[in-house]
C-alpha atoms as a PDB file:
ATOM      1  CA  MET A   1       0.016  12.891  15.543  1.00  0.00           C
ATOM      2  CA  ALA A   2      -2.749  13.155  18.128  1.00  0.00           C
ATOM      3  CA  ARG A   3      -3.034  10.397  20.651  1.00  0.00           C
ATOM      4  CA  ALA A   4      -6.764   9.593  19.378  1.00  0.00           C
ATOM      5  CA  ASP A   5      -5.514   8.733  15.757  1.00  0.00           C
ATOM      6  CA  VAL A   6      -2.605   6.490  16.427  1.00  0.00           C
ATOM      7  CA  TYR A   7      -4.431   3.626  16.004  1.00  0.00           C
ATOM      8  CA  ASP A   8      -6.789   4.383  13.156  1.00  0.00           C
ATOM      9  CA  ARG A   9      -5.152   2.770  10.569  1.00  0.00           C
ATOM     10  CA  THR A  10      -4.562  -0.448  12.416  1.00  0.00           C
ATOM     11  CA  MET A  11      -8.126  -0.643  13.176  1.00  0.00           C
ATOM     12  CA  LEU A  12      -9.331   0.017   9.785  1.00  0.00           C
ATOM     13  CA  ILE A  13      -6.968  -2.955   8.739  1.00  0.00           C
ATOM     14  CA  LEU A  14      -8.390  -5.266  11.274  1.00  0.00           C
ATOM     15  CA  ALA A  15     -11.728  -4.439  10.490  1.00  0.00           C
ATOM     16  CA  GLY A  16     -10.910  -5.163   6.867  1.00  0.00           C
ATOM     17  CA  MET A  17      -9.322  -8.384   7.662  1.00  0.00           C
ATOM     18  CA  LEU A  18     -12.437  -9.566   9.722  1.00  0.00           C
ATOM     19  CA  VAL A  19     -14.854  -8.756   6.650  1.00  0.00           C
ATOM     20  CA  VAL A  20     -12.491 -10.739   4.355  1.00  0.00           C
ATOM     21  CA  GLY A  21     -12.835 -13.637   7.057  1.00  0.00           C
ATOM     22  CA  LEU A  22     -16.641 -13.224   7.029  1.00  0.00           C
ATOM     23  CA  ILE A  23     -16.998 -13.364   3.342  1.00  0.00           C
ATOM     24  CA  ALA A  24     -14.377 -16.416   3.073  1.00  0.00           C
ATOM     25  CA  ASN A  25     -16.418 -18.274   5.961  1.00  0.00           C
ATOM     26  CA  ALA A  26     -19.627 -17.716   4.037  1.00  0.00           C
ATOM     27  CA  LEU A  27     -18.434 -19.093   0.928  1.00  0.00           C
ATOM     28  CA  ILE A  28     -17.479 -22.520   2.493  1.00  0.00           C
ATOM     29  CA  ARG A  29     -19.476 -25.154   1.338  1.00  0.00           C
ATOM     30  CA  PRO A  30     -19.898 -29.009   2.633  1.00  0.00           C
ATOM     31  CA  VAL A  31     -17.779 -31.587   1.109  1.00  0.00           C
ATOM     32  CA  ALA A  32     -19.643 -33.652  -1.562  1.00  0.00           C
ATOM     33  CA  LYS A  33     -20.826 -36.775  -0.400  1.00  0.00           C
ATOM     34  CA  ARG A  34     -18.771 -38.662  -3.472  1.00  0.00           C
ATOM     35  CA  TRP A  35     -15.563 -37.782  -1.479  1.00  0.00           C
ATOM     36  CA  HIS A  36     -16.937 -39.405   1.720  1.00  0.00           C
ATOM     37  CA  MET A  37     -15.371 -42.698   2.781  1.00  0.00           C
ATOM     38  CA  PRO A  38     -17.876 -45.326   2.742  1.00  0.00           C
ATOM     39  CA  GLU A  39     -19.093 -46.574   6.221  1.00  0.00           C
ATOM     40  CA  ALA A  40     -17.879 -50.059   5.499  1.00  0.00           C
ATOM     41  CA  GLU A  41     -14.493 -49.055   4.732  1.00  0.00           C
ATOM     42  CA  VAL A  42     -14.406 -46.830   7.991  1.00  0.00           C
ATOM     43  CA  ALA A  43     -15.719 -49.834  10.073  1.00  0.00           C
ATOM     44  CA  ARG A  44     -12.814 -52.065   8.466  1.00  0.00           C
ATOM     45  CA  LEU A  45     -10.262 -49.717   9.101  1.00  0.00           C
ATOM     46  CA  GLN A  46     -11.183 -49.070  12.880  1.00  0.00           C
ATOM     47  CA  MET A  47     -11.302 -52.891  13.449  1.00  0.00           C
ATOM     48  CA  ARG A  48      -7.802 -53.529  11.995  1.00  0.00           C
ATOM     49  CA  PRO A  49      -5.148 -53.678  14.733  1.00  0.00           C
ATOM     50  CA  ALA A  50      -2.522 -50.962  14.428  1.00  0.00           C
ATOM     51  CA  THR A  51       0.446 -52.663  13.126  1.00  0.00           C
ATOM     52  CA  SER A  52       3.967 -51.561  12.445  1.00  0.00           C
ATOM     53  CA  ALA A  53       3.133 -51.800   8.714  1.00  0.00           C
ATOM     54  CA  VAL A  54       0.013 -49.438   9.264  1.00  0.00           C
ATOM     55  CA  ALA A  55       2.288 -47.002  11.246  1.00  0.00           C
ATOM     56  CA  GLU A  56       4.904 -46.946   8.871  1.00  0.00           C
ATOM     57  CA  ALA A  57       2.299 -46.060   6.044  1.00  0.00           C
ATOM     58  CA  ASP A  58       0.808 -43.410   8.029  1.00  0.00           C
ATOM     59  CA  ALA A  59       4.351 -42.034   8.742  1.00  0.00           C
ATOM     60  CA  ALA A  60       5.224 -42.261   4.954  1.00  0.00           C
ATOM     61  CA  ARG A  61       2.075 -39.987   4.249  1.00  0.00           C
ATOM     62  CA  THR A  62       2.466 -37.551   6.970  1.00  0.00           C
ATOM     63  CA  GLY A  63       6.201 -36.684   6.097  1.00  0.00           C
ATOM     64  CA  GLY A  64       7.825 -39.514   8.359  1.00  0.00           C
ATOM     65  CA  GLY A  65       7.666 -37.263  11.425  1.00  0.00           C
ATOM     66  CA  GLY A  66      11.570 -36.504  11.337  1.00  0.00           C
ATOM     67  CA  VAL A  67      13.152 -33.026  11.172  1.00  0.00           C
ATOM     68  CA  SER A  68      14.323 -31.692   7.941  1.00  0.00           C
ATOM     69  CA  VAL A  69      16.432 -29.032   6.660  1.00  0.00           C
ATOM     70  CA  LEU A  70      13.430 -27.072   5.407  1.00  0.00           C
ATOM     71  CA  ILE A  71      11.757 -27.246   8.945  1.00  0.00           C
ATOM     72  CA  VAL A  72      14.797 -26.064  10.618  1.00  0.00           C
ATOM     73  CA  ARG A  73      14.856 -22.968   7.970  1.00  0.00           C
ATOM     74  CA  ALA A  74      11.309 -22.157   8.394  1.00  0.00           C
ATOM     75  CA  TRP A  75      11.403 -22.231  12.237  1.00  0.00           C
ATOM     76  CA  ALA A  76      14.825 -20.057  12.025  1.00  0.00           C
ATOM     77  CA  ALA A  77      12.844 -17.627   9.787  1.00  0.00           C
ATOM     78  CA  VAL A  78      10.248 -17.131  12.381  1.00  0.00           C
ATOM     79  CA  GLY A  79      12.207 -17.324  15.558  1.00  0.00           C
ATOM     80  CA  ILE A  80      15.164 -15.167  14.731  1.00  0.00           C
ATOM     81  CA  PRO A  81      13.392 -11.972  14.085  1.00  0.00           C
ATOM     82  CA  ILE A  82      11.315 -12.643  17.170  1.00  0.00           C
ATOM     83  CA  LEU A  83      14.446 -13.270  19.090  1.00  0.00           C
END
């Protein structure tokens, strides 16, 4: 294969991915107003002190913040081939 032709396929794939990204970006629309949190509720939440109950509720919503077997397996699937 000629040295000038080595990256042709790679560049075409990257150009195609850029086009797909451009189209996906153009299809994004703003979130409907009905899904926005009312200003009064935002103000109420910002005025409330961060208590341990609030922190526990946040941790429960975000998965607890601990390390699970699934997370270790996922990182191993990524890290082992890189090593």
